[in-house]
Protein backbone atom coordinates (compact mmCIF):
# COMPACT_ATOMS: atom_id res chain seq x y z
CA MET A 1 -37.99 190.45 145.14
CA THR A 2 -38.04 193.34 142.31
CA SER A 3 -36.38 193.86 139.38
CA LYS A 4 -35.94 196.08 136.16
CA PHE A 5 -36.55 195.03 132.85
CA ILE A 6 -35.65 195.38 129.64
CA ASN A 7 -37.59 194.87 126.62
CA ILE A 8 -35.86 193.45 123.31
CA CYS A 9 -37.98 194.56 120.52
CA GLY A 10 -38.27 194.70 116.78
CA TYR A 11 -39.83 194.49 113.49
CA GLY A 12 -40.39 190.69 112.78
CA TRP A 13 -36.54 188.73 111.70
CA SER A 14 -35.33 191.72 112.47
CA GLY A 15 -32.28 189.94 115.36
CA SER A 16 -34.12 191.32 118.26
CA SER A 17 -32.74 187.32 119.51
CA ALA A 18 -28.88 188.16 118.82
CA VAL A 19 -29.80 191.63 121.84
CA VAL A 20 -31.21 189.08 124.12
CA ASP A 21 -28.48 186.48 123.57
CA LEU A 22 -25.74 189.43 124.45
CA LEU A 23 -27.66 190.30 127.58
CA ARG A 24 -27.76 186.87 128.97
CA GLU A 25 -23.77 187.33 129.13
CA PHE A 26 -24.46 189.99 131.52
CA GLU A 27 -23.78 188.50 135.41
CA ASN A 28 -27.66 188.68 136.99
CA TYR A 29 -29.58 189.04 134.12
CA GLY A 30 -31.90 186.56 132.85
CA SER A 31 -34.15 186.22 130.35
CA PRO A 32 -37.05 183.89 130.06
CA SER A 33 -36.54 181.16 127.30
CA ILE A 34 -39.91 181.87 125.37
CA GLU A 35 -41.82 185.15 124.35
CA PHE A 36 -43.43 187.42 126.76
CA GLY A 37 -46.72 188.49 124.88
CA LEU A 38 -49.29 189.09 128.04
CA ILE A 39 -49.19 192.71 126.58
CA ARG A 40 -49.28 193.24 122.86
CA GLU A 41 -50.71 189.92 121.36
CA PRO A 42 -54.39 190.13 120.82
CA HIS A 43 -57.05 190.00 124.68
CA GLY A 44 -53.99 190.75 126.51
CA LEU A 45 -53.09 193.75 128.40
CA VAL A 46 -53.54 196.82 125.96
CA ASP A 47 -56.46 195.47 125.22
CA LEU A 48 -58.04 195.11 128.73
CA GLU A 49 -56.60 198.53 128.81
CA ALA A 50 -58.96 199.56 126.69
CA PHE A 51 -61.92 198.06 126.80
CA LEU A 52 -62.19 198.57 131.13
CA VAL A 53 -60.20 201.83 131.08
CA ASP A 54 -60.89 203.76 127.97
CA ASN A 55 -63.61 202.60 126.62
CA TRP A 56 -66.24 201.13 128.56
CA HIS A 57 -69.54 199.83 128.02
CA PHE A 58 -71.58 197.50 130.63
CA VAL A 59 -71.31 194.95 128.97
CA ARG A 60 -67.50 194.69 126.65
CA HIS A 61 -66.20 195.09 129.74
CA ASP A 62 -67.04 192.05 131.37
CA VAL A 63 -66.38 189.82 127.84
CA ALA A 64 -62.65 191.66 127.92
CA ILE A 65 -61.59 190.48 131.22
CA LYS A 66 -63.64 186.48 129.95
CA ASP A 67 -61.35 187.10 126.50
CA PHE A 68 -58.22 188.21 128.80
CA LEU A 69 -58.45 184.89 131.01
CA ASN A 70 -59.18 182.13 128.33
CA TYR A 71 -55.83 183.82 127.20
CA CYS A 72 -54.09 183.43 130.08
CA SER A 73 -55.32 180.10 130.49
CA ILE A 74 -53.71 179.44 127.35
CA VAL A 75 -50.40 181.04 127.58
CA GLY A 76 -50.04 179.29 131.12
CA ARG A 77 -50.65 175.86 130.09
CA PRO A 78 -48.23 173.36 129.32
CA PRO A 79 -47.00 173.42 125.88
CA SER A 80 -48.00 170.45 122.80
CA ASN A 81 -46.92 169.20 119.57
CA ILE A 82 -50.32 167.46 118.82
CA GLY A 83 -52.73 168.91 122.45
CA ARG A 84 -54.28 171.70 122.53
CA TRP A 85 -51.36 174.72 122.40
CA GLY A 86 -49.59 175.92 125.26
CA GLY A 87 -47.66 178.53 126.31
CA GLY A 88 -45.59 177.02 129.38
CA LEU A 89 -45.65 180.30 131.68
CA SER A 90 -46.18 179.32 134.98
CA LYS A 91 -43.84 176.17 134.11
CA GLU A 92 -41.04 179.07 133.25
CA LEU A 93 -42.05 182.09 135.69
CA GLU A 94 -42.60 179.24 138.20
CA VAL A 95 -45.80 180.69 139.07
CA ASP A 96 -49.62 179.83 139.01
CA PHE A 97 -50.05 182.11 136.01
CA LEU A 98 -54.38 181.56 135.32
CA GLY A 99 -54.14 182.00 139.39
CA ALA A 100 -51.87 185.15 139.38
CA SER A 101 -54.55 186.61 136.78
CA LYS A 102 -57.76 186.24 138.71
CA MET A 103 -56.38 187.64 141.54
CA PHE A 104 -55.26 190.51 139.31
CA VAL A 105 -58.53 190.76 137.78
CA ASP A 106 -60.61 190.30 141.08
CA GLU A 107 -58.02 193.76 141.90
CA LEU A 108 -59.70 195.73 139.56
CA THR A 109 -63.59 194.14 140.08
CA LEU A 110 -65.71 196.30 142.37
CA PHE A 111 -68.64 193.77 142.37
CA LYS A 112 -69.73 190.04 140.53
CA TYR A 113 -73.61 189.48 139.64
CA GLN A 114 -75.58 186.83 138.07
CA GLY A 115 -76.90 189.01 134.39
CA GLY A 116 -77.04 187.93 130.87
CA SER A 117 -76.75 189.30 127.30
CA ALA A 118 -77.36 188.26 123.67
CA VAL A 119 -73.77 188.43 123.01
CA PHE A 120 -73.43 185.61 125.14
CA GLU A 121 -74.49 183.61 121.73
CA TYR A 122 -72.82 185.14 119.05
CA GLY A 123 -70.65 182.28 119.26
CA LEU A 124 -73.18 179.48 119.17
CA SER A 125 -74.49 177.74 116.15
CA SER A 126 -78.35 177.32 115.17
CA TYR A 127 -78.34 173.86 116.95
CA SER A 128 -76.13 174.96 120.20
CA ARG A 129 -78.62 178.07 120.08
CA PHE A 130 -81.60 176.34 119.36
CA VAL A 131 -80.65 173.48 122.51
CA ALA A 132 -79.91 176.49 124.88
CA LYS A 133 -83.12 178.44 124.27
CA ILE A 134 -85.31 175.44 124.84
CA PHE A 135 -83.43 174.11 128.21
CA ARG A 136 -83.65 177.96 129.49
CA ARG A 137 -87.37 177.36 128.61
CA LEU A 138 -87.83 174.31 130.87
CA TYR A 139 -85.77 175.52 133.80
CA LEU A 140 -82.97 173.01 133.17
CA ILE A 141 -80.12 176.02 132.89
CA LYS A 142 -79.87 179.26 133.85
CA ASN A 143 -80.70 182.87 132.25
CA SER A 144 -77.58 184.45 133.42
CA ARG A 145 -74.21 183.70 133.95
CA GLU A 146 -72.00 185.22 136.35
CA MET A 147 -70.31 188.85 135.07
CA ARG A 148 -68.21 191.39 137.16
CA ILE A 149 -68.37 195.24 137.14
CA ALA A 150 -64.44 196.48 136.21
CA ARG A 151 -64.39 200.40 135.85
CA PRO A 152 -60.88 201.21 137.40
CA SER A 153 -59.31 204.91 136.85
CA LYS A 154 -56.11 204.56 134.72
CA ASP A 155 -53.84 205.55 137.18
CA GLU A 156 -55.93 202.23 139.01
CA PHE A 157 -54.82 200.11 135.92
CA LEU A 158 -51.27 200.89 135.99
CA VAL A 159 -50.68 200.77 139.25
CA ALA A 160 -52.59 196.84 138.95
CA CYS A 161 -50.79 195.75 135.85
CA GLN A 162 -47.10 196.53 138.10
CA GLN A 163 -48.32 195.01 141.38
CA TYR A 164 -49.48 191.47 138.72
CA ILE A 165 -46.49 192.25 136.48
CA THR A 166 -43.89 191.97 139.49
CA ALA A 167 -45.81 188.76 140.90
CA LEU A 168 -45.14 186.94 137.78
CA PHE A 169 -41.92 187.15 138.33
CA SER A 170 -40.72 186.95 141.72
CA GLN A 171 -40.53 183.72 142.32
CA TYR A 172 -38.43 183.46 138.52
CA THR A 173 -36.05 186.42 139.84
CA ALA A 174 -35.62 184.84 143.75
CA ARG A 175 -34.45 181.13 142.47
CA HIS A 176 -32.07 182.41 140.29
CA GLY A 177 -30.93 186.16 141.66
CA TYR A 178 -31.75 187.77 138.56
CA LYS A 179 -31.58 191.62 139.21
CA SER A 180 -32.80 192.02 135.60
CA ILE A 181 -34.91 190.07 133.38
CA VAL A 182 -34.40 190.67 129.73
CA LEU A 183 -37.98 190.05 128.10
CA ASP A 184 -38.35 189.03 124.36
CA GLN A 185 -40.92 191.19 122.25
CA ALA A 186 -42.70 191.94 125.11
CA ILE A 187 -43.66 195.50 123.92
CA PRO A 188 -43.92 196.25 120.85
CA SER A 189 -41.93 199.89 119.55
CA THR A 190 -45.46 201.05 118.25
CA SER A 191 -46.79 200.64 121.98
CA LEU A 192 -43.87 201.87 124.02
CA GLU A 193 -45.48 204.82 125.51
CA LYS A 194 -48.64 203.12 126.60
CA ALA A 195 -47.18 199.71 127.74
CA SER A 196 -44.28 200.56 129.53
CA LYS A 197 -46.44 202.29 131.96
CA TYR A 198 -47.50 198.25 133.10
CA PHE A 199 -43.92 198.04 134.61
CA ASP A 200 -42.17 199.53 137.73
CA GLU A 201 -39.15 199.96 135.74
CA ILE A 202 -38.41 198.88 131.93
CA LYS A 203 -36.10 200.01 129.82
CA THR A 204 -36.74 199.34 125.79
CA ILE A 205 -34.01 198.11 122.73
CA ILE A 206 -35.26 198.78 119.69
CA VAL A 207 -33.49 196.32 117.14
CA ASP A 208 -33.44 196.74 112.91
CA ARG A 209 -31.89 195.27 110.22
CA ASP A 210 -31.97 195.92 106.26
CA PRO A 211 -34.93 195.22 104.85
CA ARG A 212 -32.99 192.99 102.33
CA ASP A 213 -32.11 190.40 104.07
CA ILE A 214 -35.91 190.60 106.41
CA TYR A 215 -37.14 190.03 103.38
CA VAL A 216 -35.15 186.92 102.36
CA ASP A 217 -35.94 185.20 105.53
CA MET A 218 -40.12 185.92 105.55
CA ILE A 219 -39.97 183.91 102.37
CA ASP A 220 -37.10 181.72 103.11
CA HIS A 221 -38.83 180.62 106.36
CA ASN A 222 -42.37 181.39 105.34
CA SER A 223 -43.32 183.61 108.23
CA LEU A 224 -45.49 186.89 108.61
CA LEU A 225 -45.58 187.91 104.92
CA GLY A 226 -43.40 185.27 103.43
CA PRO A 227 -46.10 182.80 101.66
CA SER A 228 -47.97 186.14 99.89
CA LEU A 229 -44.06 187.38 98.68
CA LYS A 230 -43.35 183.96 97.37
CA SER A 231 -46.45 183.47 95.06
CA GLN A 232 -46.19 187.28 93.99
CA GLU A 233 -42.40 187.98 93.91
CA ASN A 234 -43.72 191.76 94.68
CA ALA A 235 -41.84 193.89 97.00
CA ASP A 236 -45.26 196.70 97.25
CA ASN A 237 -46.64 195.18 99.98
CA TYR A 238 -43.77 195.09 101.72
CA ILE A 239 -42.30 198.14 101.83
CA LEU A 240 -45.33 198.94 102.59
CA TRP A 241 -45.28 196.84 105.71
CA HIS A 242 -42.39 197.56 106.60
CA LYS A 243 -43.34 201.72 106.85
CA GLU A 244 -46.12 200.94 108.57
CA LEU A 245 -44.76 198.99 111.56
CA ARG A 246 -42.39 201.94 111.81
CA ARG A 247 -45.26 204.19 111.71
CA MET A 248 -45.44 206.13 115.64
CA SER A 249 -48.12 208.11 117.10
CA THR A 250 -46.61 211.84 117.95
CA GLU A 251 -46.90 210.83 121.66
CA ASN A 252 -44.70 207.39 121.29
CA ARG A 253 -42.18 209.30 118.61
CA ALA A 254 -41.60 212.15 121.67
CA TYR A 255 -40.98 208.93 123.76
CA CYS A 256 -38.34 206.90 122.05
CA GLU A 257 -36.98 210.14 120.99
CA ASN A 258 -36.51 211.15 124.75
CA GLY A 259 -33.00 208.89 124.57
CA SER A 260 -33.29 207.73 128.37
CA ASN A 261 -35.93 204.76 128.01
CA VAL A 262 -35.54 203.98 124.96
CA LEU A 263 -32.11 202.56 122.38
CA ARG A 264 -32.29 201.75 118.98
CA ILE A 265 -29.17 199.64 117.43
CA LYS A 266 -29.12 197.79 114.40
CA PHE A 267 -28.26 194.55 113.83
CA GLU A 268 -25.41 195.02 111.57
CA ASP A 269 -24.00 197.19 113.78
CA LEU A 270 -24.07 194.77 116.63
CA VAL A 271 -22.01 192.13 114.26
CA PHE A 272 -19.59 194.62 113.05
CA ASN A 273 -19.19 197.38 115.00
CA TYR A 274 -19.69 194.74 118.54
CA SER A 275 -16.90 196.66 121.15
CA THR A 276 -19.48 199.80 120.00
CA SER A 277 -22.39 198.10 120.38
CA LEU A 278 -21.71 197.13 123.53
CA GLU A 279 -20.81 200.32 124.88
CA ARG A 280 -23.89 201.79 124.02
CA ILE A 281 -25.82 198.68 125.10
CA LYS A 282 -24.24 198.92 128.82
CA SER A 283 -24.34 202.64 128.83
CA PHE A 284 -28.10 202.85 128.36
CA LEU A 285 -28.74 200.23 130.64
CA GLY A 286 -26.57 201.83 133.18
CA GLY A 287 -24.79 200.22 136.65
CA ASN A 288 -21.84 198.55 136.76
CA ILE A 289 -22.65 195.41 134.56
CA ASN A 290 -20.72 192.51 135.23
CA HIS A 291 -20.12 190.94 131.10
CA SER A 292 -18.87 187.71 133.03
CA LYS A 293 -20.07 184.81 129.97
CA ILE A 294 -18.97 186.87 126.73
CA GLY A 295 -18.69 184.57 124.36
CA ALA A 296 -21.34 182.03 125.57
CA HIS A 297 -24.39 183.38 123.42
CA PHE A 298 -24.17 185.84 121.24
CA LYS A 299 -21.97 184.05 117.92
CA ALA A 300 -21.13 187.18 116.09
CA GLU A 301 -19.87 184.47 113.63
CA LEU A 302 -23.09 182.56 113.17
CA SER A 303 -24.40 186.27 113.12
CA LYS A 304 -22.60 187.39 110.43
CA ARG A 305 -23.74 184.37 108.09
CA ASN A 306 -27.50 186.87 108.25
CA ILE A 307 -26.08 189.80 106.56
CA GLY A 308 -26.32 190.14 103.22
CA LYS A 309 -28.30 187.42 102.65
CA TRP A 310 -30.18 189.57 99.81
CA LYS A 311 -26.73 189.69 97.81
CA SER A 312 -27.62 185.81 96.45
CA PHE A 313 -31.55 186.27 96.02
CA GLU A 314 -32.62 185.61 92.38
CA ASP A 315 -34.68 188.32 91.66
CA LYS A 316 -32.78 191.60 91.51
CA ASN A 317 -35.46 193.91 90.63
CA VAL A 318 -36.91 193.20 93.63
CA MET A 319 -34.06 194.02 95.91
CA ASN A 320 -33.10 197.25 94.46
CA ARG A 321 -37.29 198.54 94.89
CA ILE A 322 -36.13 198.28 98.20
CA LEU A 323 -33.22 199.67 98.13
CA ALA A 324 -35.02 202.84 96.76
CA ALA A 325 -38.01 202.82 98.62
CA LEU A 326 -35.76 202.87 101.86
CA PRO A 327 -32.75 203.46 101.14
CA ASN A 328 -32.24 204.82 104.93
CA ASP A 329 -32.77 201.21 106.71
CA CYS A 330 -30.29 199.80 104.20
CA TYR A 331 -27.50 198.68 105.92
CA LEU A 332 -24.34 199.76 102.95
CA GLU A 333 -21.02 198.29 103.87
CA SER A 334 -19.31 202.04 104.09
CA GLN A 335 -21.15 202.32 107.05
């Protein structure tokens, strides 16, 4: 069973989860309860493509595959409060996440062989490297390991990705009968043009929010730049951070401005101009949308508490500096 995907992304504390909650109220729309970071996170699909397609080297691509499979084992295994970190995707998607990932990599692999390279010793301590060297001299361990040759074309890589992602969600969509899958932060706004090609069909809603409120939330939750901002009480780095996260390549800007696959929405508009924002979202997604669970997940009154928090922030000078530097991004009540 195939489904279309909807990527909801923001810039950190910008309110993307509110749109995820809203779309969960639509009939036949489902959303995993955890973020799907397979594409954007270090050692994910974007990194894998970089070394298998764009920057191929006969050792580095094998290392990239090993890093990717190790990453998949981590995000696939069960979460734990006291043990090793786990992403819980196998249980969430009702799939053998690592097994499906190995099948995906095998599809890209031309052949396997026994080989070796000094790069495999880079992470060893001096003691471990000494012991390994002695063991190899005594022929107690092999001076090689399984390696792969994988050099797909861009088209081959993209087709394999589309099949892989479809397989990851096939059981999840079939069991629940979902026709649309809403993913929170699956693709960042800076990689939309590139990573959207990993899906058969995907649309993206970019959510933004008053940078002054984001600043306050970072400090309150000790998140992202929060610890630094709290100790320095300085807006300069935050303003630079805000601008860099929203800076796009020429290709990505063209993809976003096309309008057919990307919608931009302000978090504040979703709350204060709910009806208009809802119609914009429905029109963008297309199809006959049945908003069957109105108010079940998105609570406008609760979200309203996250608007205008900057007004209670003690350092008014910081808020004024953010407004002066980012006037078009700040939400004014007259809007």
